[in-house]
Amino acid sequence: MQDSRTFEDVSVHVWEKVKAMARTRFGTTFDPETSPAGTARTSTPIGEVVIDYDLDADAEQITYTLRRKPMLILSRHIWSGLEEAIDSCRQQS
């Protein structure tokens, strides 16, 4: 499965807020922790969601690639959740 999405207007500051929100709300881990590119893992009761991310700080955009998800979680729910988190963090900036 390789499903990717790019989100615009994501500064380093917004990205840090998104990561903090994901850690707090969902227990997401980021590897490597401080790198602008890596892998995020979130455990759910029905399996793990694994997403690669690559923040382009100069262009202020981030690309996510969905690597693994439980069959019962729809990709569109993951993408809409990420979009909502980014929008919320933009508004807080």
PDB file of N, CA and C in Angstrom:
ATOM      1  N   MET A   1       0.854  -1.176   0.000  1.00  0.00           N
ATOM      2  CA  MET A   1       0.000   0.000   0.000  1.00  0.00           C
ATOM      3  C   MET A   1       0.894   1.231   0.000  1.00  0.00           C
ATOM      4  N   GLN A   2       0.738   2.066  -0.985  1.00  0.00           N
ATOM      5  CA  GLN A   2       1.422   3.346  -1.003  1.00  0.00           C
ATOM      6  C   GLN A   2       0.422   4.404  -1.407  1.00  0.00           C
ATOM      7  N   ASP A   3      -0.044   5.109  -0.419  1.00  0.00           N
ATOM      8  CA  ASP A   3      -1.023   6.168  -0.610  1.00  0.00           C
ATOM      9  C   ASP A   3      -0.417   7.413   0.004  1.00  0.00           C
ATOM     10  N   SER A   4      -0.176   8.444  -0.803  1.00  0.00           N
ATOM     11  CA  SER A   4       0.495   9.651  -0.314  1.00  0.00           C
ATOM     12  C   SER A   4      -0.382  10.883  -0.469  1.00  0.00           C
ATOM     13  N   ARG A   5      -0.157  11.835   0.431  1.00  0.00           N
ATOM     14  CA  ARG A   5      -0.836  13.133   0.379  1.00  0.00           C
ATOM     15  C   ARG A   5       0.166  14.209   0.787  1.00  0.00           C
ATOM     16  N   THR A   6       0.073  15.356   0.117  1.00  0.00           N
ATOM     17  CA  THR A   6       0.905  16.500   0.462  1.00  0.00           C
ATOM     18  C   THR A   6       0.010  17.620   0.957  1.00  0.00           C
ATOM     19  N   PHE A   7       0.404  18.224   2.066  1.00  0.00           N
ATOM     20  CA  PHE A   7      -0.335  19.331   2.660  1.00  0.00           C
ATOM     21  C   PHE A   7       0.532  20.581   2.599  1.00  0.00           C
ATOM     22  N   GLU A   8      -0.068  21.671   2.153  1.00  0.00           N
ATOM     23  CA  GLU A   8       0.633  22.951   2.003  1.00  0.00           C
ATOM     24  C   GLU A   8       0.499  23.790   3.268  1.00  0.00           C
ATOM     25  N   ASP A   9       1.329  24.831   3.336  1.00  0.00           N
ATOM     26  CA  ASP A   9       1.272  25.807   4.427  1.00  0.00           C
ATOM     27  C   ASP A   9       1.524  25.148   5.786  1.00  0.00           C
ATOM     28  N   VAL A  10       2.528  24.280   5.827  1.00  0.00           N
ATOM     29  CA  VAL A  10       2.915  23.598   7.066  1.00  0.00           C
ATOM     30  C   VAL A  10       4.339  24.027   7.406  1.00  0.00           C
ATOM     31  N   SER A  11       4.437  25.021   8.272  1.00  0.00           N
ATOM     32  CA  SER A  11       5.745  25.509   8.708  1.00  0.00           C
ATOM     33  C   SER A  11       6.326  24.542   9.741  1.00  0.00           C
ATOM     34  N   VAL A  12       7.578  24.742  10.092  1.00  0.00           N
ATOM     35  CA  VAL A  12       8.209  23.938  11.139  1.00  0.00           C
ATOM     36  C   VAL A  12       7.429  24.097  12.441  1.00  0.00           C
ATOM     37  N   HIS A  13       6.996  25.314  12.730  1.00  0.00           N
ATOM     38  CA  HIS A  13       6.235  25.584  13.952  1.00  0.00           C
ATOM     39  C   HIS A  13       4.915  24.793  13.966  1.00  0.00           C
ATOM     40  N   VAL A  14       4.204  24.794  12.857  1.00  0.00           N
ATOM     41  CA  VAL A  14       2.950  24.042  12.755  1.00  0.00           C
ATOM     42  C   VAL A  14       3.228  22.545  12.888  1.00  0.00           C
ATOM     43  N   TRP A  15       4.276  22.061  12.245  1.00  0.00           N
ATOM     44  CA  TRP A  15       4.630  20.647  12.309  1.00  0.00           C
ATOM     45  C   TRP A  15       4.921  20.217  13.742  1.00  0.00           C
ATOM     46  N   GLU A  16       5.633  21.031  14.490  1.00  0.00           N
ATOM     47  CA  GLU A  16       5.925  20.703  15.889  1.00  0.00           C
ATOM     48  C   GLU A  16       4.637  20.603  16.704  1.00  0.00           C
ATOM     49  N   LYS A  17       3.684  21.479  16.423  1.00  0.00           N
ATOM     50  CA  LYS A  17       2.388  21.421  17.108  1.00  0.00           C
ATOM     51  C   LYS A  17       1.611  20.159  16.731  1.00  0.00           C
ATOM     52  N   VAL A  18       1.657  19.790  15.453  1.00  0.00           N
ATOM     53  CA  VAL A  18       0.979  18.568  14.993  1.00  0.00           C
ATOM     54  C   VAL A  18       1.581  17.357  15.699  1.00  0.00           C
ATOM     55  N   LYS A  19       2.903  17.293  15.778  1.00  0.00           N
ATOM     56  CA  LYS A  19       3.553  16.166  16.449  1.00  0.00           C
ATOM     57  C   LYS A  19       3.170  16.114  17.924  1.00  0.00           C
ATOM     58  N   ALA A  20       3.168  17.256  18.588  1.00  0.00           N
ATOM     59  CA  ALA A  20       2.804  17.291  20.010  1.00  0.00           C
ATOM     60  C   ALA A  20       1.370  16.819  20.216  1.00  0.00           C
ATOM     61  N   MET A  21       0.471  17.251  19.351  1.00  0.00           N
ATOM     62  CA  MET A  21      -0.926  16.827  19.436  1.00  0.00           C
ATOM     63  C   MET A  21      -1.047  15.318  19.237  1.00  0.00           C
ATOM     64  N   ALA A  22      -0.337  14.785  18.250  1.00  0.00           N
ATOM     65  CA  ALA A  22      -0.401  13.348  17.958  1.00  0.00           C
ATOM     66  C   ALA A  22       0.147  12.530  19.128  1.00  0.00           C
ATOM     67  N   ARG A  23       1.223  13.004  19.729  1.00  0.00           N
ATOM     68  CA  ARG A  23       1.786  12.302  20.887  1.00  0.00           C
ATOM     69  C   ARG A  23       0.790  12.274  22.042  1.00  0.00           C
ATOM     70  N   THR A  24       0.208  13.436  22.337  1.00  0.00           N
ATOM     71  CA  THR A  24      -0.699  13.573  23.475  1.00  0.00           C
ATOM     72  C   THR A  24      -2.007  12.824  23.268  1.00  0.00           C
ATOM     73  N   ARG A  25      -2.635  13.006  22.131  1.00  0.00           N
ATOM     74  CA  ARG A  25      -3.967  12.428  21.892  1.00  0.00           C
ATOM     75  C   ARG A  25      -3.953  10.954  21.519  1.00  0.00           C
ATOM     76  N   PHE A  26      -2.926  10.544  20.774  1.00  0.00           N
ATOM     77  CA  PHE A  26      -2.959   9.200  20.195  1.00  0.00           C
ATOM     78  C   PHE A  26      -1.768   8.327  20.585  1.00  0.00           C
ATOM     79  N   GLY A  27      -0.799   8.883  21.305  1.00  0.00           N
ATOM     80  CA  GLY A  27       0.378   8.107  21.676  1.00  0.00           C
ATOM     81  C   GLY A  27       1.306   7.828  20.508  1.00  0.00           C
ATOM     82  N   THR A  28       1.240   8.662  19.490  1.00  0.00           N
ATOM     83  CA  THR A  28       2.065   8.486  18.296  1.00  0.00           C
ATOM     84  C   THR A  28       3.535   8.663  18.642  1.00  0.00           C
ATOM     85  N   THR A  29       4.364   7.805  18.058  1.00  0.00           N
ATOM     86  CA  THR A  29       5.812   7.949  18.193  1.00  0.00           C
ATOM     87  C   THR A  29       6.392   8.337  16.839  1.00  0.00           C
ATOM     88  N   PHE A  30       7.476   9.108  16.888  1.00  0.00           N
ATOM     89  CA  PHE A  30       8.132   9.586  15.678  1.00  0.00           C
ATOM     90  C   PHE A  30       9.580   9.114  15.690  1.00  0.00           C
ATOM     91  N   ASP A  31      10.023   8.524  14.568  1.00  0.00           N
ATOM     92  CA  ASP A  31      11.381   8.019  14.488  1.00  0.00           C
ATOM     93  C   ASP A  31      11.997   8.447  13.159  1.00  0.00           C
ATOM     94  N   PRO A  32      13.072   9.211  13.206  1.00  0.00           N
ATOM     95  CA  PRO A  32      13.717   9.767  14.380  1.00  0.00           C
ATOM     96  C   PRO A  32      12.899  10.917  14.974  1.00  0.00           C
ATOM     97  N   GLU A  33      13.060  11.136  16.237  1.00  0.00           N
ATOM     98  CA  GLU A  33      12.227  12.079  16.991  1.00  0.00           C
ATOM     99  C   GLU A  33      12.329  13.517  16.490  1.00  0.00           C
ATOM    100  N   THR A  34      13.517  13.990  16.167  1.00  0.00           N
ATOM    101  CA  THR A  34      13.688  15.411  15.855  1.00  0.00           C
ATOM    102  C   THR A  34      13.923  15.693  14.373  1.00  0.00           C
ATOM    103  N   SER A  35      13.853  14.705  13.548  1.00  0.00           N
ATOM    104  CA  SER A  35      14.116  14.877  12.123  1.00  0.00           C
ATOM    105  C   SER A  35      12.861  15.353  11.385  1.00  0.00           C
ATOM    106  N   PRO A  36      13.034  16.132  10.313  1.00  0.00           N
ATOM    107  CA  PRO A  36      11.876  16.537   9.513  1.00  0.00           C
ATOM    108  C   PRO A  36      11.326  15.425   8.628  1.00  0.00           C
ATOM    109  N   ALA A  37      12.020  14.292   8.589  1.00  0.00           N
ATOM    110  CA  ALA A  37      11.546  13.150   7.797  1.00  0.00           C
ATOM    111  C   ALA A  37      11.724  11.887   8.625  1.00  0.00           C
ATOM    112  N   GLY A  38      10.752  10.995   8.509  1.00  0.00           N
ATOM    113  CA  GLY A  38      10.843   9.756   9.264  1.00  0.00           C
ATOM    114  C   GLY A  38       9.544   8.983   9.212  1.00  0.00           C
ATOM    115  N   THR A  39       9.292   8.235  10.280  1.00  0.00           N
ATOM    116  CA  THR A  39       8.121   7.370  10.348  1.00  0.00           C
ATOM    117  C   THR A  39       7.364   7.616  11.641  1.00  0.00           C
ATOM    118  N   ALA A  40       6.056   7.753  11.519  1.00  0.00           N
ATOM    119  CA  ALA A  40       5.174   7.900  12.676  1.00  0.00           C
ATOM    120  C   ALA A  40       4.386   6.610  12.846  1.00  0.00           C
ATOM    121  N   ARG A  41       4.271   6.180  14.105  1.00  0.00           N
ATOM    122  CA  ARG A  41       3.531   4.948  14.418  1.00  0.00           C
ATOM    123  C   ARG A  41       2.498   5.244  15.489  1.00  0.00           C
ATOM    124  N   THR A  42       1.270   4.805  15.221  1.00  0.00           N
ATOM    125  CA  THR A  42       0.181   4.986  16.178  1.00  0.00           C
ATOM    126  C   THR A  42      -0.517   3.643  16.369  1.00  0.00           C
ATOM    127  N   SER A  43      -0.565   3.193  17.612  1.00  0.00           N
ATOM    128  CA  SER A  43      -1.261   1.942  17.924  1.00  0.00           C
ATOM    129  C   SER A  43      -2.742   2.225  18.141  1.00  0.00           C
ATOM    130  N   THR A  44      -3.567   1.338  17.613  1.00  0.00           N
ATOM    131  CA  THR A  44      -5.009   1.414  17.831  1.00  0.00           C
ATOM    132  C   THR A  44      -5.443   0.059  18.404  1.00  0.00           C
ATOM    133  N   PRO A  45      -6.653  -0.026  18.930  1.00  0.00           N
ATOM    134  CA  PRO A  45      -7.115  -1.318  19.446  1.00  0.00           C
ATOM    135  C   PRO A  45      -7.168  -2.430  18.390  1.00  0.00           C
ATOM    136  N   ILE A  46      -7.201  -2.053  17.114  1.00  0.00           N
ATOM    137  CA  ILE A  46      -7.304  -3.074  16.064  1.00  0.00           C
ATOM    138  C   ILE A  46      -6.046  -3.188  15.209  1.00  0.00           C
ATOM    139  N   GLY A  47      -4.980  -2.506  15.585  1.00  0.00           N
ATOM    140  CA  GLY A  47      -3.730  -2.605  14.838  1.00  0.00           C
ATOM    141  C   GLY A  47      -2.998  -1.287  14.768  1.00  0.00           C
ATOM    142  N   GLU A  48      -1.853  -1.309  14.127  1.00  0.00           N
ATOM    143  CA  GLU A  48      -0.973  -0.149  14.060  1.00  0.00           C
ATOM    144  C   GLU A  48      -1.130   0.596  12.739  1.00  0.00           C
ATOM    145  N   VAL A  49      -1.083   1.939  12.831  1.00  0.00           N
ATOM    146  CA  VAL A  49      -1.033   2.800  11.654  1.00  0.00           C
ATOM    147  C   VAL A  49       0.407   3.288  11.533  1.00  0.00           C
ATOM    148  N   VAL A  50       0.999   3.106  10.353  1.00  0.00           N
ATOM    149  CA  VAL A  50       2.375   3.523  10.106  1.00  0.00           C
ATOM    150  C   VAL A  50       2.377   4.475   8.914  1.00  0.00           C
ATOM    151  N   ILE A  51       2.915   5.668   9.148  1.00  0.00           N
ATOM    152  CA  ILE A  51       2.940   6.705   8.117  1.00  0.00           C
ATOM    153  C   ILE A  51       4.341   7.293   8.040  1.00  0.00           C
ATOM    154  N   ASP A  52       4.907   7.343   6.843  1.00  0.00           N
ATOM    155  CA  ASP A  52       6.155   8.071   6.627  1.00  0.00           C
ATOM    156  C   ASP A  52       5.804   9.535   6.401  1.00  0.00           C
ATOM    157  N   TYR A  53       6.698  10.419   6.829  1.00  0.00           N
ATOM    158  CA  TYR A  53       6.470  11.854   6.639  1.00  0.00           C
ATOM    159  C   TYR A  53       7.762  12.499   6.173  1.00  0.00           C
ATOM    160  N   ASP A  54       7.606  13.587   5.428  1.00  0.00           N
ATOM    161  CA  ASP A  54       8.750  14.353   4.939  1.00  0.00           C
ATOM    162  C   ASP A  54       8.341  15.814   4.865  1.00  0.00           C
ATOM    163  N   LEU A  55       8.855  16.592   5.812  1.00  0.00           N
ATOM    164  CA  LEU A  55       8.567  18.023   5.860  1.00  0.00           C
ATOM    165  C   LEU A  55       9.601  18.770   5.030  1.00  0.00           C
ATOM    166  N   ASP A  56       9.143  19.549   4.063  1.00  0.00           N
ATOM    167  CA  ASP A  56      10.012  20.444   3.301  1.00  0.00           C
ATOM    168  C   ASP A  56       9.835  21.822   3.920  1.00  0.00           C
ATOM    169  N   ALA A  57      10.753  22.192   4.804  1.00  0.00           N
ATOM    170  CA  ALA A  57      10.626  23.447   5.560  1.00  0.00           C
ATOM    171  C   ALA A  57      10.658  24.671   4.652  1.00  0.00           C
ATOM    172  N   ASP A  58      11.476  24.628   3.603  1.00  0.00           N
ATOM    173  CA  ASP A  58      11.573  25.780   2.699  1.00  0.00           C
ATOM    174  C   ASP A  58      10.277  26.002   1.931  1.00  0.00           C
ATOM    175  N   ALA A  59       9.669  24.932   1.475  1.00  0.00           N
ATOM    176  CA  ALA A  59       8.414  25.027   0.720  1.00  0.00           C
ATOM    177  C   ALA A  59       7.192  25.082   1.638  1.00  0.00           C
ATOM    178  N   GLU A  60       7.405  24.845   2.938  1.00  0.00           N
ATOM    179  CA  GLU A  60       6.323  24.774   3.918  1.00  0.00           C
ATOM    180  C   GLU A  60       5.235  23.795   3.476  1.00  0.00           C
ATOM    181  N   GLN A  61       5.679  22.577   3.198  1.00  0.00           N
ATOM    182  CA  GLN A  61       4.730  21.517   2.866  1.00  0.00           C
ATOM    183  C   GLN A  61       5.233  20.216   3.457  1.00  0.00           C
ATOM    184  N   ILE A  62       4.280  19.326   3.741  1.00  0.00           N
ATOM    185  CA  ILE A  62       4.635  18.017   4.272  1.00  0.00           C
ATOM    186  C   ILE A  62       3.955  16.950   3.430  1.00  0.00           C
ATOM    187  N   THR A  63       4.691  15.890   3.158  1.00  0.00           N
ATOM    188  CA  THR A  63       4.148  14.760   2.424  1.00  0.00           C
ATOM    189  C   THR A  63       4.099  13.563   3.362  1.00  0.00           C
ATOM    190  N   TYR A  64       2.933  12.961   3.435  1.00  0.00           N
ATOM    191  CA  TYR A  64       2.728  11.745   4.221  1.00  0.00           C
ATOM    192  C   TYR A  64       2.519  10.590   3.260  1.00  0.00           C
ATOM    193  N   THR A  65       3.077   9.438   3.604  1.00  0.00           N
ATOM    194  CA  THR A  65       2.839   8.216   2.839  1.00  0.00           C
ATOM    195  C   THR A  65       2.355   7.150   3.806  1.00  0.00           C
ATOM    196  N   LEU A  66       1.156   6.676   3.576  1.00  0.00           N
ATOM    197  CA  LEU A  66       0.553   5.652   4.419  1.00  0.00           C
ATOM    198  C   LEU A  66       1.178   4.305   4.079  1.00  0.00           C
ATOM    199  N   ARG A  67       1.854   3.702   5.054  1.00  0.00           N
ATOM    200  CA  ARG A  67       2.562   2.429   4.841  1.00  0.00           C
ATOM    201  C   ARG A  67       1.762   1.226   5.323  1.00  0.00           C
ATOM    202  N   ARG A  68       1.074   1.398   6.453  1.00  0.00           N
ATOM    203  CA  ARG A  68       0.315   0.271   6.994  1.00  0.00           C
ATOM    204  C   ARG A  68      -0.829   0.809   7.835  1.00  0.00           C
ATOM    205  N   LYS A  69      -1.950   0.106   7.785  1.00  0.00           N
ATOM    206  CA  LYS A  69      -3.116   0.446   8.595  1.00  0.00           C
ATOM    207  C   LYS A  69      -3.957  -0.800   8.774  1.00  0.00           C
ATOM    208  N   PRO A  70      -4.729  -0.859   9.842  1.00  0.00           N
ATOM    209  CA  PRO A  70      -5.672  -1.969   9.979  1.00  0.00           C
ATOM    210  C   PRO A  70      -6.718  -1.907   8.864  1.00  0.00           C
ATOM    211  N   MET A  71      -7.142  -3.051   8.411  1.00  0.00           N
ATOM    212  CA  MET A  71      -8.103  -3.129   7.320  1.00  0.00           C
ATOM    213  C   MET A  71      -9.400  -2.379   7.643  1.00  0.00           C
ATOM    214  N   LEU A  72      -9.791  -2.355   8.901  1.00  0.00           N
ATOM    215  CA  LEU A  72     -11.059  -1.734   9.280  1.00  0.00           C
ATOM    216  C   LEU A  72     -10.997  -0.210   9.389  1.00  0.00           C
ATOM    217  N   ILE A  73      -9.807   0.367   9.299  1.00  0.00           N
ATOM    218  CA  ILE A  73      -9.675   1.828   9.319  1.00  0.00           C
ATOM    219  C   ILE A  73      -9.557   2.297   7.878  1.00  0.00           C
ATOM    220  N   LEU A  74     -10.471   3.162   7.473  1.00  0.00           N
ATOM    221  CA  LEU A  74     -10.467   3.668   6.102  1.00  0.00           C
ATOM    222  C   LEU A  74      -9.403   4.742   5.923  1.00  0.00           C
ATOM    223  N   SER A  75      -8.708   4.682   4.797  1.00  0.00           N
ATOM    224  CA  SER A  75      -7.661   5.669   4.502  1.00  0.00           C
ATOM    225  C   SER A  75      -8.210   7.088   4.562  1.00  0.00           C
ATOM    226  N   ARG A  76      -9.395   7.289   4.058  1.00  0.00           N
ATOM    227  CA  ARG A  76      -9.954   8.646   4.038  1.00  0.00           C
ATOM    228  C   ARG A  76     -10.119   9.211   5.445  1.00  0.00           C
ATOM    229  N   HIS A  77     -10.340   8.356   6.429  1.00  0.00           N
ATOM    230  CA  HIS A  77     -10.457   8.828   7.808  1.00  0.00           C
ATOM    231  C   HIS A  77      -9.095   9.274   8.340  1.00  0.00           C
ATOM    232  N   ILE A  78      -8.056   8.568   7.948  1.00  0.00           N
ATOM    233  CA  ILE A  78      -6.703   8.963   8.343  1.00  0.00           C
ATOM    234  C   ILE A  78      -6.353  10.307   7.716  1.00  0.00           C
ATOM    235  N   TRP A  79      -6.612  10.447   6.421  1.00  0.00           N
ATOM    236  CA  TRP A  79      -6.281  11.704   5.737  1.00  0.00           C
ATOM    237  C   TRP A  79      -7.096  12.874   6.276  1.00  0.00           C
ATOM    238  N   SER A  80      -8.367  12.666   6.519  1.00  0.00           N
ATOM    239  CA  SER A  80      -9.174  13.780   7.047  1.00  0.00           C
ATOM    240  C   SER A  80      -8.741  14.134   8.463  1.00  0.00           C
ATOM    241  N   GLY A  81      -8.342  13.135   9.256  1.00  0.00           N
ATOM    242  CA  GLY A  81      -7.848  13.407  10.597  1.00  0.00           C
ATOM    243  C   GLY A  81      -6.557  14.213  10.573  1.00  0.00           C
ATOM    244  N   LEU A  82      -5.659  13.875   9.660  1.00  0.00           N
ATOM    245  CA  LEU A  82      -4.421  14.648   9.522  1.00  0.00           C
ATOM    246  C   LEU A  82      -4.711  16.073   9.071  1.00  0.00           C
ATOM    247  N   GLU A  83      -5.612  16.223   8.114  1.00  0.00           N
ATOM    248  CA  GLU A  83      -5.962  17.557   7.627  1.00  0.00           C
ATOM    249  C   GLU A  83      -6.572  18.411   8.745  1.00  0.00           C
ATOM    250  N   GLU A  84      -7.454  17.820   9.540  1.00  0.00           N
ATOM    251  CA  GLU A  84      -8.061  18.543  10.659  1.00  0.00           C
ATOM    252  C   GLU A  84      -7.015  18.938  11.693  1.00  0.00           C
ATOM    253  N   ALA A  85      -6.068  18.049  11.974  1.00  0.00           N
ATOM    254  CA  ALA A  85      -5.010  18.352  12.946  1.00  0.00           C
ATOM    255  C   ALA A  85      -4.138  19.498  12.443  1.00  0.00           C
ATOM    256  N   ILE A  86      -3.767  19.466  11.171  1.00  0.00           N
ATOM    257  CA  ILE A  86      -2.940  20.534  10.599  1.00  0.00           C
ATOM    258  C   ILE A  86      -3.697  21.860  10.640  1.00  0.00           C
ATOM    259  N   ASP A  87      -4.967  21.849  10.240  1.00  0.00           N
ATOM    260  CA  ASP A  87      -5.771  23.080  10.271  1.00  0.00           C
ATOM    261  C   ASP A  87      -5.865  23.649  11.676  1.00  0.00           C
ATOM    262  N   SER A  88      -6.099  22.782  12.640  1.00  0.00           N
ATOM    263  CA  SER A  88      -6.201  23.220  14.036  1.00  0.00           C
ATOM    264  C   SER A  88      -4.889  23.838  14.511  1.00  0.00           C
ATOM    265  N   CYS A  89      -3.787  23.218  14.168  1.00  0.00           N
ATOM    266  CA  CYS A  89      -2.481  23.737  14.599  1.00  0.00           C
ATOM    267  C   CYS A  89      -2.125  25.033  13.878  1.00  0.00           C
ATOM    268  N   ARG A  90      -2.544  25.185  12.633  1.00  0.00           N
ATOM    269  CA  ARG A  90      -2.338  26.456  11.913  1.00  0.00           C
ATOM    270  C   ARG A  90      -3.070  27.589  12.632  1.00  0.00           C
ATOM    271  N   GLN A  91      -4.298  27.316  13.046  1.00  0.00           N
ATOM    272  CA  GLN A  91      -5.103  28.350  13.707  1.00  0.00           C
ATOM    273  C   GLN A  91      -4.526  28.762  15.057  1.00  0.00           C
ATOM    274  N   GLN A  92      -3.810  27.847  15.712  1.00  0.00           N
ATOM    275  CA  GLN A  92      -3.195  28.140  16.990  1.00  0.00           C
ATOM    276  C   GLN A  92      -1.910  28.962  16.847  1.00  0.00           C
ATOM    277  N   SER A  93      -1.364  28.994  15.644  1.00  0.00           N
ATOM    278  CA  SER A  93      -0.076  29.679  15.424  1.00  0.00           C
ATOM    279  C   SER A  93      -0.233  31.181  15.353  1.00  0.00           C
TER     280      SER A  93
END
